[in-house]
């Protein structure tokens, strides 16, 4: 079988398996796959082009995260495949179905010193659910179908959705025949009939095995694909627990609205991280990490939904010997190995309710009142600040994004922690937050946000990130001629370096003369990049917001096309600011 025919069959199997988006990067060895994708009706597969394979991988991740469908990323051979590793790692830990289609040299060229050739089959190791090396000339159909099934959680190394690698060896020639009538097979590849009407649930050709999702598992929900993802449906009831306990519910990344529903039905305080998509309702406690310091000694039990990663106060609570912990796990998850965690796992909500118990009289009210007092203390403290800070940005951005029902993508490091401290819980259900919390890296954040926009092009989307996160993925701003421009507003909190280290032990060391210079150089990583010029280079509108009034005006604008709002802050005062907030909250609760 020639390479073009193998590529057409690969693409046909991808489409039948539910792939509706493909992200490609230029390359010679992958040319047959790209030509085959270009021949498919655009109504069946949206094709996106990126020049940087790392950004291509994160773009695919973003599309898959927001759409809930498997998304292909196609690369040429060599280092191109290695550049996908960060996105594959994030997809693995976040259970996102990214399908890597890596073009390769045929077997006879491997290990010979042939140009752009390495041992790339199996490169991703345990990070993928399935990988296969498809020999040059072989029919790839069955391998592709098996790969997509594994990406959606069926038949792979781990029964959880996640990335897969299809390594396709291709021999010359790598371009289609110039014959104006290439034949029946090529024409058939132009329009592919999916095996099911919605394109998300297909049947492997000739195998009779339903995929995805695997039997007995709900269709993929991008807002609830991790542990603790019970849907927030109306009319849900829980069996009344037989005892009362001073229990709190902690919702980490990917928990979903089911965490809020569970907490509200039992009247339990809810500590919900921003990317949990459970930070709403009357049970949600906003600045919970500061309140744990004041009220946490009374906590007897913890119910975990999703994966909390943001605060040391929560980590310390989960490490206490006197606190019983149960984690809601209705299905396997990707982010830990069995036997490596100590808490009890519970698969049904009624059993979880029996563990949690009902709230003693006044338990929830105590946390609610403390939360109201803490919010007032935060407002007063921020109101006295002479300059706009990351906490100001987080507070304003969160409430305005909820008001306009836009989507919010949040970068790692300080921005998501600023939201965790300053974002007031929404009154109604709102599940519009995305964040790469599988590995919690800052790489690929701009590309991920662009991918999320591609999944629903007409919807307004915001990206909150720090200056180093922007610089790390500045290539994500590049869009080639003809590529659609998303409606994306990028809010950059620019403190001229790595602000998060100021809030860790390094910040304390940096206050001493002996370590000040080393901490600033090695962790602060100061820079003087002009973000306005950077934006202009990529054709992105730029606006500087130096005051609270300017920030409010900038956020009030309609999100049309791409723009950057830059908020310049001071890193030197960051540690002192957070200490002022902590003391103000403690004083308010003590009064």
Protein backbone atom coordinates (compact mmCIF):
# COMPACT_ATOMS: atom_id res chain seq x y z
CA UNK A 1 0.00 0.00 0.00
CA UNK A 2 1.39 3.38 -1.01
CA UNK A 3 1.73 6.18 1.53
CA UNK A 4 -1.13 8.32 0.19
CA UNK A 5 -3.54 5.40 0.40
CA UNK A 6 -2.38 4.61 3.95
CA UNK A 7 -2.92 8.26 4.88
CA UNK A 8 -6.42 8.31 3.37
CA UNK A 9 -7.39 5.21 5.33
CA UNK A 10 -5.94 6.72 8.49
CA UNK A 11 -7.99 9.88 8.07
CA UNK A 12 -11.15 7.92 7.21
CA UNK A 13 -10.78 5.88 10.41
CA UNK A 14 -10.19 9.04 12.44
CA UNK A 15 -13.38 10.62 11.12
CA UNK A 16 -15.42 7.48 11.75
CA UNK A 17 -14.06 7.45 15.27
CA UNK A 18 -15.40 10.91 16.05
CA UNK A 19 -12.43 13.16 15.26
CA UNK A 20 -13.85 16.52 14.18
CA UNK A 21 -10.74 18.67 14.57
CA UNK A 22 -7.16 18.09 13.46
CA UNK A 23 -4.17 20.30 14.20
CA UNK A 24 -1.22 19.95 11.85
CA UNK A 25 2.31 21.32 11.75
CA UNK A 26 4.26 21.50 8.48
CA UNK A 27 6.67 18.73 7.54
CA UNK A 28 7.67 16.51 4.67
CA UNK A 29 7.21 13.01 6.10
CA UNK A 30 3.69 13.86 7.31
CA UNK A 31 2.68 15.29 3.91
CA UNK A 32 0.43 12.34 2.92
CA UNK A 33 -1.60 12.76 6.11
CA UNK A 34 -1.95 16.49 5.59
CA UNK A 35 -3.06 16.10 1.98
CA UNK A 36 -5.58 13.47 3.04
CA UNK A 37 -6.98 15.77 5.74
CA UNK A 38 -7.16 18.69 3.33
CA UNK A 39 -9.32 16.56 1.01
CA UNK A 40 -11.96 15.90 3.67
CA UNK A 41 -15.10 18.02 3.62
CA UNK A 42 -14.52 20.91 6.11
CA UNK A 43 -17.96 20.26 7.57
CA UNK A 44 -16.61 16.94 8.81
CA UNK A 45 -13.14 17.92 10.03
CA UNK A 46 -11.91 21.41 10.89
CA UNK A 47 -8.26 21.67 9.97
CA UNK A 48 -5.97 23.99 11.97
CA UNK A 49 -2.35 24.80 11.13
CA UNK A 50 0.40 25.72 13.61
CA UNK A 51 4.10 26.13 12.86
CA UNK A 52 5.24 25.05 16.34
CA UNK A 53 4.57 21.43 17.29
CA UNK A 54 4.40 22.20 21.00
CA UNK A 55 1.70 24.76 20.35
CA UNK A 56 -0.01 22.36 17.95
CA UNK A 57 -0.18 19.81 20.76
CA UNK A 58 -1.62 22.26 23.26
CA UNK A 59 -4.07 23.60 20.69
CA UNK A 60 -5.35 20.06 20.19
CA UNK A 61 -5.52 19.67 23.96
CA UNK A 62 -7.63 22.81 24.27
CA UNK A 63 -10.05 21.74 21.54
CA UNK A 64 -10.47 18.28 23.08
CA UNK A 65 -10.85 19.74 26.58
CA UNK A 66 -13.65 22.08 25.52
CA UNK A 67 -15.40 19.92 22.90
CA UNK A 68 -15.28 16.54 24.58
CA UNK A 69 -14.30 14.82 21.33
CA UNK A 70 -11.01 13.16 20.34
CA UNK A 71 -8.75 15.59 18.51
CA UNK A 72 -5.86 14.64 16.24
CA UNK A 73 -2.49 16.36 16.15
CA UNK A 74 -0.33 15.48 13.15
CA UNK A 75 3.44 15.93 13.05
CA UNK A 76 6.37 15.00 10.91
CA UNK A 77 9.22 12.83 12.18
CA UNK A 78 12.12 13.62 14.51
CA UNK A 79 12.14 16.35 17.14
CA UNK A 80 8.67 17.38 15.98
CA UNK A 81 7.25 14.40 17.86
CA UNK A 82 9.28 15.17 20.99
CA UNK A 83 7.81 18.66 21.12
CA UNK A 84 4.42 17.10 21.83
CA UNK A 85 5.56 15.59 25.13
CA UNK A 86 4.37 18.43 27.42
CA UNK A 87 0.87 18.41 25.90
CA UNK A 88 0.73 14.62 26.01
CA UNK A 89 1.70 14.62 29.70
CA UNK A 90 -1.00 17.19 30.50
CA UNK A 91 -3.57 15.26 28.49
CA UNK A 92 -2.64 12.07 30.31
CA UNK A 93 -3.12 13.48 33.79
CA UNK A 94 -6.23 15.45 32.78
CA UNK A 95 -7.86 12.53 30.91
CA UNK A 96 -8.17 14.42 27.61
CA UNK A 97 -8.42 12.39 24.35
CA UNK A 98 -5.58 13.75 22.21
CA UNK A 99 -4.69 11.49 19.27
CA UNK A 100 -1.05 11.91 18.22
CA UNK A 101 -0.54 10.88 14.60
CA UNK A 102 3.22 10.94 14.12
CA UNK A 103 4.69 10.33 10.69
CA UNK A 104 7.87 8.28 10.66
CA UNK A 105 10.57 6.92 8.37
CA UNK A 106 10.15 3.30 7.33
CA UNK A 107 11.92 0.57 9.28
CA UNK A 108 14.79 0.22 6.80
CA UNK A 109 15.90 3.82 7.55
CA UNK A 110 15.76 3.63 11.33
CA UNK A 111 19.08 3.30 13.10
CA UNK A 112 21.02 4.10 9.93
CA UNK A 113 21.73 7.78 10.53
CA UNK A 114 19.08 8.81 8.02
CA UNK A 115 18.14 12.48 8.29
CA UNK A 116 15.41 13.42 10.80
CA UNK A 117 15.08 9.82 11.97
CA UNK A 118 14.98 8.55 15.54
CA UNK A 119 13.24 5.84 17.55
CA UNK A 120 10.00 7.75 18.03
CA UNK A 121 7.60 4.81 18.28
CA UNK A 122 6.74 4.41 21.96
CA UNK A 123 8.38 7.75 22.73
CA UNK A 124 5.65 8.79 25.18
CA UNK A 125 5.87 5.64 27.31
CA UNK A 126 3.39 5.47 30.17
CA UNK A 127 1.94 8.89 29.30
CA UNK A 128 -0.27 7.39 26.56
CA UNK A 129 -3.09 4.90 26.90
CA UNK A 130 -2.04 3.10 23.72
CA UNK A 131 0.69 3.37 21.11
CA UNK A 132 1.27 1.49 17.92
CA UNK A 133 4.00 1.47 15.28
CA UNK A 134 2.28 1.00 11.92
CA UNK A 135 4.65 -0.40 9.34
CA UNK A 136 5.05 1.25 5.97
CA UNK A 137 2.67 -0.35 3.48
CA UNK A 138 0.37 -1.84 6.13
CA UNK A 139 -3.34 -1.05 6.37
CA UNK A 140 -3.62 1.33 9.35
CA UNK A 141 -7.41 1.09 9.79
CA UNK A 142 -7.59 -1.39 12.65
CA UNK A 143 -4.76 0.28 14.59
CA UNK A 144 -6.41 3.69 14.27
CA UNK A 145 -9.78 2.36 15.43
CA UNK A 146 -8.15 0.65 18.41
CA UNK A 147 -6.27 3.86 19.22
CA UNK A 148 -9.38 6.03 19.26
CA UNK A 149 -11.19 3.52 21.44
CA UNK A 150 -8.27 3.64 23.89
CA UNK A 151 -8.27 7.45 23.80
CA UNK A 152 -11.90 7.35 24.91
CA UNK A 153 -11.20 4.91 27.73
CA UNK A 154 -11.81 1.46 26.19
CA UNK A 155 -9.16 -1.21 25.79
CA UNK A 156 -6.09 0.85 26.56
CA UNK A 157 -3.45 0.43 29.26
CA UNK A 158 -5.68 2.39 31.63
CA UNK A 159 -9.49 2.42 31.42
CA UNK A 160 -9.51 6.21 31.46
CA UNK A 161 -9.68 8.63 28.56
CA UNK A 162 -6.37 10.13 27.53
CA UNK A 163 -3.76 10.53 24.78
CA UNK A 164 -2.64 7.85 22.33
CA UNK A 165 0.12 7.67 19.71
CA UNK A 166 -0.36 6.33 16.21
CA UNK A 167 3.11 6.19 14.66
CA UNK A 168 2.71 5.77 10.92
CA UNK A 169 5.73 4.86 8.82
CA UNK A 170 5.55 6.30 5.31
CA UNK A 171 7.73 5.63 2.26
CA UNK A 172 8.25 7.83 -0.77
CA UNK A 173 6.39 9.09 -2.69
CA UNK A 174 4.84 11.40 -0.08
CA UNK A 175 2.60 13.46 -2.34
CA UNK A 176 -0.64 12.66 -4.16
CA UNK A 177 -0.66 11.68 -7.82
CA UNK A 178 -1.24 14.62 -10.14
CA UNK A 179 -3.72 12.51 -12.09
CA UNK A 180 -6.96 14.57 -11.99
CA UNK A 181 -8.93 11.37 -11.26
CA UNK A 182 -6.96 9.58 -8.52
CA UNK A 183 -9.46 6.76 -8.24
CA UNK A 184 -12.33 5.50 -6.17
CA UNK A 185 -10.50 5.12 -2.88
CA UNK A 186 -9.23 8.66 -2.89
CA UNK A 187 -12.62 10.07 -3.78
CA UNK A 188 -14.29 8.07 -1.03
CA UNK A 189 -11.99 9.64 1.53
CA UNK A 190 -13.31 13.09 0.70
CA UNK A 191 -16.60 12.46 2.50
CA UNK A 192 -16.54 9.94 5.32
CA UNK A 193 -19.74 8.54 6.82
CA UNK A 194 -19.46 8.33 10.61
CA UNK A 195 -20.70 5.17 12.27
CA UNK A 196 -23.16 7.12 14.43
CA UNK A 197 -25.24 10.22 13.91
CA UNK A 198 -23.56 12.46 16.47
CA UNK A 199 -20.02 11.55 15.52
CA UNK A 200 -19.03 10.90 19.15
CA UNK A 201 -20.00 7.24 19.52
CA UNK A 202 -18.78 4.92 16.83
CA UNK A 203 -18.30 1.24 16.10
CA UNK A 204 -14.98 -0.21 15.03
CA UNK A 205 -15.17 -1.43 11.47
CA UNK A 206 -15.74 -5.18 11.38
CA UNK A 207 -15.17 -5.62 15.11
CA UNK A 208 -18.68 -4.96 16.39
CA UNK A 209 -17.26 -3.32 19.52
CA UNK A 210 -18.89 -0.08 20.59
CA UNK A 211 -16.51 2.79 21.25
CA UNK A 212 -16.35 5.60 22.55
CA UNK A 213 -17.48 5.68 25.32
CA UNK A 214 -16.90 2.16 26.62
CA UNK A 215 -19.94 0.14 27.70
CA UNK A 216 -21.59 1.40 30.85
CA UNK A 217 -19.78 4.74 30.87
CA UNK A 218 -21.31 8.14 30.29
CA UNK A 219 -20.36 10.21 27.23
CA UNK A 220 -17.37 12.46 27.76
CA UNK A 221 -18.23 15.72 29.54
CA UNK A 222 -15.43 18.32 29.29
CA UNK A 223 -16.60 20.01 32.49
CA UNK A 224 -16.83 16.80 34.51
CA UNK A 225 -14.28 14.27 33.36
CA UNK A 226 -12.36 13.73 36.58
CA UNK A 227 -13.16 12.04 39.85
CA UNK A 228 -16.12 13.62 41.57
CA UNK A 229 -17.87 14.52 38.35
CA UNK A 230 -21.46 13.72 39.26
CA UNK A 231 -23.78 15.85 37.14
CA UNK A 232 -25.73 18.58 38.86
CA UNK A 233 -29.20 17.42 37.85
CA UNK A 234 -32.47 18.60 39.33
CA UNK A 235 -34.42 16.29 41.57
CA UNK A 236 -31.33 14.46 42.87
CA UNK A 237 -31.71 13.11 46.41
CA UNK A 238 -29.36 11.41 48.83
CA UNK A 239 -30.15 8.82 51.47
CA UNK A 240 -30.17 10.53 54.87
CA UNK A 241 -26.94 9.83 56.79
CA UNK A 242 -27.24 8.17 60.18
CA UNK A 243 -24.81 10.47 62.01
CA UNK A 244 -23.59 14.05 62.12
CA UNK A 245 -19.97 15.04 61.50
CA UNK A 246 -18.09 18.29 61.13
CA UNK A 247 -17.32 17.57 57.49
CA UNK A 248 -16.14 19.80 54.66
CA UNK A 249 -16.22 19.13 50.92
CA UNK A 250 -13.09 19.98 48.93
CA UNK A 251 -13.46 20.30 45.15
CA UNK A 252 -10.26 20.25 43.14
CA UNK A 253 -9.58 20.55 39.45
CA UNK A 254 -12.16 18.72 37.34
CA UNK A 255 -14.57 18.01 40.19
CA UNK A 256 -17.60 19.37 38.36
CA UNK A 257 -20.88 20.77 39.63
CA UNK A 258 -21.65 17.48 41.39
CA UNK A 259 -19.42 18.61 44.26
CA UNK A 260 -21.56 21.68 44.85
CA UNK A 261 -24.75 19.64 44.62
CA UNK A 262 -23.47 17.14 47.18
CA UNK A 263 -22.39 19.87 49.60
CA UNK A 264 -25.66 21.77 49.31
CA UNK A 265 -27.83 18.68 49.80
CA UNK A 266 -26.02 17.84 53.06
CA UNK A 267 -25.48 21.43 54.19
CA UNK A 268 -21.68 21.14 54.25
CA UNK A 269 -19.08 23.88 53.66
CA UNK A 270 -17.58 23.67 50.18
CA UNK A 271 -13.96 24.62 49.44
CA UNK A 272 -13.89 24.79 45.63
CA UNK A 273 -10.83 25.63 43.57
CA UNK A 274 -11.57 27.81 40.51
CA UNK A 275 -10.96 25.01 37.98
CA UNK A 276 -13.24 22.65 39.90
CA UNK A 277 -16.22 24.32 38.20
CA UNK A 278 -18.02 23.95 41.53
CA UNK A 279 -17.33 27.42 42.97
CA UNK A 280 -20.93 28.49 43.27
CA UNK A 281 -23.96 28.19 45.51
CA UNK A 282 -24.61 29.02 49.14
CA UNK A 283 -22.31 26.29 50.51
CA UNK A 284 -19.22 27.62 48.70
CA UNK A 285 -16.67 29.36 50.93
CA UNK A 286 -14.54 31.90 49.06
CA UNK A 287 -11.26 32.56 50.94
CA UNK A 288 -11.32 29.10 52.49
CA UNK A 289 -7.56 28.68 52.64
CA UNK A 290 -7.30 31.58 55.10
CA UNK A 291 -10.28 30.34 57.08
CA UNK A 292 -8.73 26.89 57.48
CA UNK A 293 -6.05 28.63 59.53
CA UNK A 294 -8.73 30.03 61.84
CA UNK A 295 -11.45 27.36 61.93
CA UNK A 296 -9.79 24.26 60.53
CA UNK A 297 -9.05 22.65 63.90
CA UNK A 298 -12.74 21.72 64.24
CA UNK A 299 -12.85 19.73 60.97
CA UNK A 300 -13.40 16.01 61.55
CA UNK A 301 -13.92 14.66 58.03
CA UNK A 302 -13.16 15.65 54.45
CA UNK A 303 -14.89 14.58 51.25
CA UNK A 304 -12.73 15.01 48.14
CA UNK A 305 -14.07 15.64 44.66
CA UNK A 306 -11.53 15.96 41.87
CA UNK A 307 -7.91 16.82 42.51
CA UNK A 308 -6.99 19.78 44.75
CA UNK A 309 -3.53 21.20 44.02
CA UNK A 310 -3.49 24.88 44.89
CA UNK A 311 -3.02 25.55 48.59
CA UNK A 312 -0.70 24.39 51.31
CA UNK A 313 -3.49 24.85 53.86
CA UNK A 314 -5.55 22.18 52.11
CA UNK A 315 -2.50 19.93 51.81
CA UNK A 316 -1.84 20.29 55.53
CA UNK A 317 -5.48 19.50 56.31
CA UNK A 318 -5.33 16.34 54.22
CA UNK A 319 -2.17 15.25 56.06
CA UNK A 320 -3.68 15.48 59.54
CA UNK A 321 -3.89 12.21 61.46
CA UNK A 322 -7.11 13.25 63.21
CA UNK A 323 -9.09 13.87 60.01
CA UNK A 324 -10.86 11.08 58.13
CA UNK A 325 -10.88 11.48 54.34
CA UNK A 326 -12.93 9.91 51.60
CA UNK A 327 -12.53 10.54 47.88
CA UNK A 328 -15.43 10.21 45.48
CA UNK A 329 -14.29 8.00 42.60
CA UNK A 330 -17.21 6.72 40.52
CA UNK A 331 -14.79 5.59 37.81
CA UNK A 332 -10.99 5.26 37.49
CA UNK A 333 -8.91 8.41 37.18
CA UNK A 334 -5.62 9.12 35.46
CA UNK A 335 -3.78 11.21 37.98
CA UNK A 336 -2.66 8.66 40.56
CA UNK A 337 -1.54 5.06 40.74
CA UNK A 338 -3.65 2.60 42.77
CA UNK A 339 -2.25 2.06 46.23
CA UNK A 340 -0.37 5.36 46.28
CA UNK A 341 -2.99 7.34 48.21
CA UNK A 342 -4.20 6.70 51.73
CA UNK A 343 -7.76 8.04 51.79
CA UNK A 344 -10.82 5.84 51.43
CA UNK A 345 -12.34 5.72 47.95
CA UNK A 346 -16.12 5.64 47.54
CA UNK A 347 -17.94 5.05 44.26
CA UNK A 348 -21.56 5.95 45.07
CA UNK A 349 -22.99 9.18 46.38
CA UNK A 350 -25.20 7.49 48.98
CA UNK A 351 -22.18 5.75 50.52
CA UNK A 352 -20.34 9.06 50.34
CA UNK A 353 -23.22 10.77 52.13
CA UNK A 354 -23.14 8.15 54.89
CA UNK A 355 -19.43 8.84 55.37
CA UNK A 356 -19.89 12.62 55.35
CA UNK A 357 -22.89 12.65 57.66
CA UNK A 358 -25.22 15.54 58.16
CA UNK A 359 -23.86 18.87 59.30
CA UNK A 360 -24.22 19.64 63.02
CA UNK A 361 -26.36 22.66 63.84
CA UNK A 362 -24.58 25.86 62.91
CA UNK A 363 -21.65 24.14 61.13
CA UNK A 364 -22.29 25.58 57.68
CA UNK A 365 -23.45 28.92 59.09
CA UNK A 366 -20.18 29.27 61.00
CA UNK A 367 -18.18 28.98 57.77
CA UNK A 368 -20.60 31.19 55.85
CA UNK A 369 -20.35 34.00 58.39
CA UNK A 370 -16.57 33.69 58.48
CA UNK A 371 -16.51 33.81 54.69
CA UNK A 372 -18.58 37.02 54.60
CA UNK A 373 -16.29 38.61 57.19
CA UNK A 374 -13.18 37.54 55.30
CA UNK A 375 -14.54 38.89 52.00
CA UNK A 376 -15.13 42.26 53.65
CA UNK A 377 -11.60 42.26 55.07
CA UNK A 378 -10.15 41.47 51.64
CA UNK A 379 -12.18 44.29 50.07
CA UNK A 380 -10.98 46.77 52.66
CA UNK A 381 -7.36 45.71 52.31
CA UNK A 382 -7.37 45.88 48.52
CA UNK A 383 -9.18 49.22 48.67
CA UNK A 384 -6.22 50.70 50.53
CA UNK A 385 -3.64 49.47 48.04
CA UNK A 386 -2.06 52.31 46.00
CA UNK A 387 -1.59 50.12 42.93
CA UNK A 388 -3.58 47.46 41.13
CA UNK A 389 -2.47 43.96 42.17
CA UNK A 390 -3.04 40.45 40.91
CA UNK A 391 -5.75 40.04 43.56
CA UNK A 392 -7.56 43.11 42.19
CA UNK A 393 -7.41 41.62 38.71
CA UNK A 394 -8.64 38.21 39.85
CA UNK A 395 -11.58 39.65 41.78
CA UNK A 396 -12.73 41.93 38.97
CA UNK A 397 -12.11 39.47 36.14
CA UNK A 398 -13.95 36.61 37.85
CA UNK A 399 -17.14 38.55 38.54
CA UNK A 400 -17.25 40.19 35.11
CA UNK A 401 -16.65 36.88 33.31
CA UNK A 402 -19.53 35.27 35.21
CA UNK A 403 -21.76 38.24 34.40
CA UNK A 404 -21.21 37.87 30.67
CA UNK A 405 -21.20 34.02 30.81
CA UNK A 406 -17.88 33.85 28.99
CA UNK A 407 -15.28 31.12 29.34
CA UNK A 408 -12.20 31.62 31.48
CA UNK A 409 -8.84 29.93 30.90
CA UNK A 410 -6.43 30.34 33.80
CA UNK A 411 -2.66 29.99 33.74
CA UNK A 412 -0.74 28.19 36.45
CA UNK A 413 1.48 29.89 39.01
CA UNK A 414 0.04 33.00 40.72
CA UNK A 415 -3.05 33.78 38.59
CA UNK A 416 -5.03 30.67 39.53
CA UNK A 417 -3.99 31.08 43.16
CA UNK A 418 -5.07 34.73 43.09
CA UNK A 419 -8.46 33.56 41.85
CA UNK A 420 -8.59 30.90 44.55
CA UNK A 421 -8.14 33.57 47.20
CA UNK A 422 -10.04 36.50 45.72
CA UNK A 423 -12.84 35.09 43.52
CA UNK A 424 -16.20 35.35 45.25
CA UNK A 425 -18.38 32.26 44.65
CA UNK A 426 -21.04 32.69 42.00
CA UNK A 427 -24.66 32.72 43.13
CA UNK A 428 -25.78 30.41 40.34
CA UNK A 429 -24.18 27.44 38.64
CA UNK A 430 -21.29 28.46 36.39
CA UNK A 431 -18.87 25.95 34.87
CA UNK A 432 -16.81 27.98 32.44
CA UNK A 433 -13.29 27.56 33.82
CA UNK A 434 -10.44 25.68 32.14
CA UNK A 435 -6.90 25.20 33.44
CA UNK A 436 -4.02 22.84 32.73
CA UNK A 437 -3.89 21.33 36.22
CA UNK A 438 -2.95 17.80 35.16
CA UNK A 439 0.76 18.63 35.46
CA UNK A 440 0.25 22.33 36.32
CA UNK A 441 2.89 23.59 33.91
CA UNK A 442 2.95 27.05 32.40
CA UNK A 443 3.93 25.79 28.95
CA UNK A 444 1.38 25.83 26.17
CA UNK A 445 -1.14 28.01 28.00
CA UNK A 446 -1.72 30.48 25.16
CA UNK A 447 -2.14 27.64 22.65
CA UNK A 448 -4.53 25.80 24.98
CA UNK A 449 -6.72 28.90 25.18
CA UNK A 450 -6.76 29.19 21.39
CA UNK A 451 -7.80 25.54 21.14
CA UNK A 452 -10.64 26.08 23.60
CA UNK A 453 -11.83 28.96 21.43
CA UNK A 454 -11.77 26.74 18.33
CA UNK A 455 -14.15 24.27 19.96
CA UNK A 456 -16.88 26.96 20.13
CA UNK A 457 -15.69 29.83 17.91
CA UNK A 458 -18.46 32.34 18.58
CA UNK A 459 -18.20 32.36 22.36
CA UNK A 460 -16.25 34.98 24.27
CA UNK A 461 -13.21 33.61 26.08
CA UNK A 462 -10.72 35.13 28.48
CA UNK A 463 -7.24 34.01 29.40
CA UNK A 464 -5.70 35.12 32.69
CA UNK A 465 -1.97 34.52 32.97
CA UNK A 466 1.29 35.94 34.23
CA UNK A 467 4.02 37.56 32.19
CA UNK A 468 6.40 34.57 32.25
CA UNK A 469 3.61 32.23 31.17
CA UNK A 470 2.94 34.52 28.22
CA UNK A 471 6.62 34.65 27.29
CA UNK A 472 6.97 30.87 27.65
CA UNK A 473 4.27 30.37 25.00
CA UNK A 474 4.47 33.58 23.00
CA UNK A 475 4.53 31.45 19.87
CA UNK A 476 0.93 30.55 20.66
CA UNK A 477 -0.02 34.06 19.50
CA UNK A 478 1.07 33.25 15.96
CA UNK A 479 -1.74 32.60 13.50
CA UNK A 480 -0.90 31.91 9.87
CA UNK A 481 -2.71 33.56 7.00
CA UNK A 482 -6.22 32.20 6.70
CA UNK A 483 -6.37 30.72 10.22
CA UNK A 484 -9.49 31.87 12.10
CA UNK A 485 -8.97 34.49 14.79
CA UNK A 486 -10.74 33.61 18.04
CA UNK A 487 -12.63 35.97 20.30
CA UNK A 488 -9.99 35.87 23.02
CA UNK A 489 -9.12 38.53 25.57
CA UNK A 490 -5.74 37.88 27.21
CA UNK A 491 -5.24 39.51 30.61
CA UNK A 492 -1.55 39.59 31.55
CA UNK A 493 -0.51 40.39 35.11
CA UNK A 494 3.00 41.66 34.47
CA UNK A 495 5.25 41.93 37.51
CA UNK A 496 8.47 41.63 35.52
CA UNK A 497 9.36 38.09 36.58
CA UNK A 498 8.38 35.01 38.56
CA UNK A 499 6.14 36.36 41.30
CA UNK A 500 5.04 33.03 42.72
CA UNK A 501 8.46 32.41 44.24
CA UNK A 502 7.98 35.51 46.40
CA UNK A 503 5.18 33.69 48.19
CA UNK A 504 7.23 30.53 48.76
CA UNK A 505 10.24 29.99 51.01
CA UNK A 506 12.44 31.66 48.40
CA UNK A 507 10.68 34.95 49.10
CA UNK A 508 11.70 34.81 52.74
CA UNK A 509 15.29 34.00 51.80
CA UNK A 510 15.23 36.88 49.34
CA UNK A 511 14.65 39.31 52.17
CA UNK A 512 18.12 38.58 53.51
CA UNK A 513 21.19 40.23 52.01
CA UNK A 514 23.06 36.92 51.68
CA UNK A 515 20.51 35.42 49.27
CA UNK A 516 18.80 38.47 47.77
CA UNK A 517 20.73 38.60 44.50
CA UNK A 518 20.64 34.84 43.93
CA UNK A 519 16.91 34.56 44.60
CA UNK A 520 16.16 37.46 42.28
CA UNK A 521 18.28 36.13 39.43
CA UNK A 522 17.48 32.42 39.72
CA UNK A 523 13.83 32.52 40.79
CA UNK A 524 12.63 36.06 40.11
CA UNK A 525 14.04 35.81 36.56
CA UNK A 526 13.55 39.55 35.93
CA UNK A 527 12.94 40.81 32.42
CA UNK A 528 12.07 44.02 30.59
CA UNK A 529 10.12 42.66 27.62
CA UNK A 530 7.74 45.23 26.15
CA UNK A 531 4.39 43.43 25.95
CA UNK A 532 2.89 46.15 23.76
CA UNK A 533 5.58 45.66 21.13
CA UNK A 534 5.22 41.90 21.47
CA UNK A 535 1.48 42.15 20.83
CA UNK A 536 2.05 44.40 17.83
CA UNK A 537 4.46 41.88 16.33
CA UNK A 538 1.71 39.26 16.33
CA UNK A 539 -1.05 41.64 15.24
CA UNK A 540 -2.85 41.56 18.59
CA UNK A 541 -4.46 44.69 20.05
CA UNK A 542 -2.91 45.91 23.31
CA UNK A 543 -4.26 48.02 26.14
CA UNK A 544 -2.51 49.01 29.36
CA UNK A 545 -4.63 49.12 32.52
CA UNK A 546 -2.70 50.86 35.28
CA UNK A 547 -5.55 51.70 37.65
CA UNK A 548 -8.66 50.01 38.93
CA UNK A 549 -10.80 52.35 36.83
CA UNK A 550 -8.81 51.54 33.67
CA UNK A 551 -9.07 47.84 34.42
CA UNK A 552 -12.84 48.05 34.86
CA UNK A 553 -13.17 49.94 31.57
CA UNK A 554 -10.99 47.45 29.72
CA UNK A 555 -12.94 44.46 31.04
CA UNK A 556 -16.24 46.10 30.07
CA UNK A 557 -15.31 46.10 26.39
CA UNK A 558 -16.84 43.57 24.04
CA UNK A 559 -14.47 40.69 23.30
CA UNK A 560 -14.07 40.79 19.54
CA UNK A 561 -11.04 39.16 17.97
CA UNK A 562 -7.86 38.99 20.03
CA UNK A 563 -6.61 41.57 22.47
CA UNK A 564 -4.21 41.85 25.39
CA UNK A 565 -4.92 43.78 28.56
CA UNK A 566 -1.66 44.33 30.39
CA UNK A 567 -1.76 45.10 34.10
CA UNK A 568 1.64 46.09 35.46
CA UNK A 569 2.15 45.21 39.13
CA UNK A 570 5.01 45.18 41.62
CA UNK A 571 6.59 41.88 42.52
CA UNK A 572 8.65 43.37 45.35
CA UNK A 573 5.54 44.01 47.48
CA UNK A 574 3.76 40.75 46.74
CA UNK A 575 4.76 38.89 49.88
CA UNK A 576 3.84 41.84 52.10
CA UNK A 577 0.48 42.23 50.34
CA UNK A 578 -0.54 38.66 51.07
CA UNK A 579 0.55 39.04 54.68
CA UNK A 580 -1.61 42.18 54.99
CA UNK A 581 -4.59 40.25 53.63
CA UNK A 582 -3.98 37.33 56.00
CA UNK A 583 -3.72 39.59 59.04
CA UNK A 584 -6.80 41.58 58.04
CA UNK A 585 -8.87 38.40 57.76
CA UNK A 586 -7.59 37.10 61.11
CA UNK A 587 -8.35 40.42 62.82
CA UNK A 588 -11.87 40.56 61.38
CA UNK A 589 -12.66 37.04 62.57
CA UNK A 590 -11.25 37.79 66.04
CA UNK A 591 -13.38 40.93 66.47
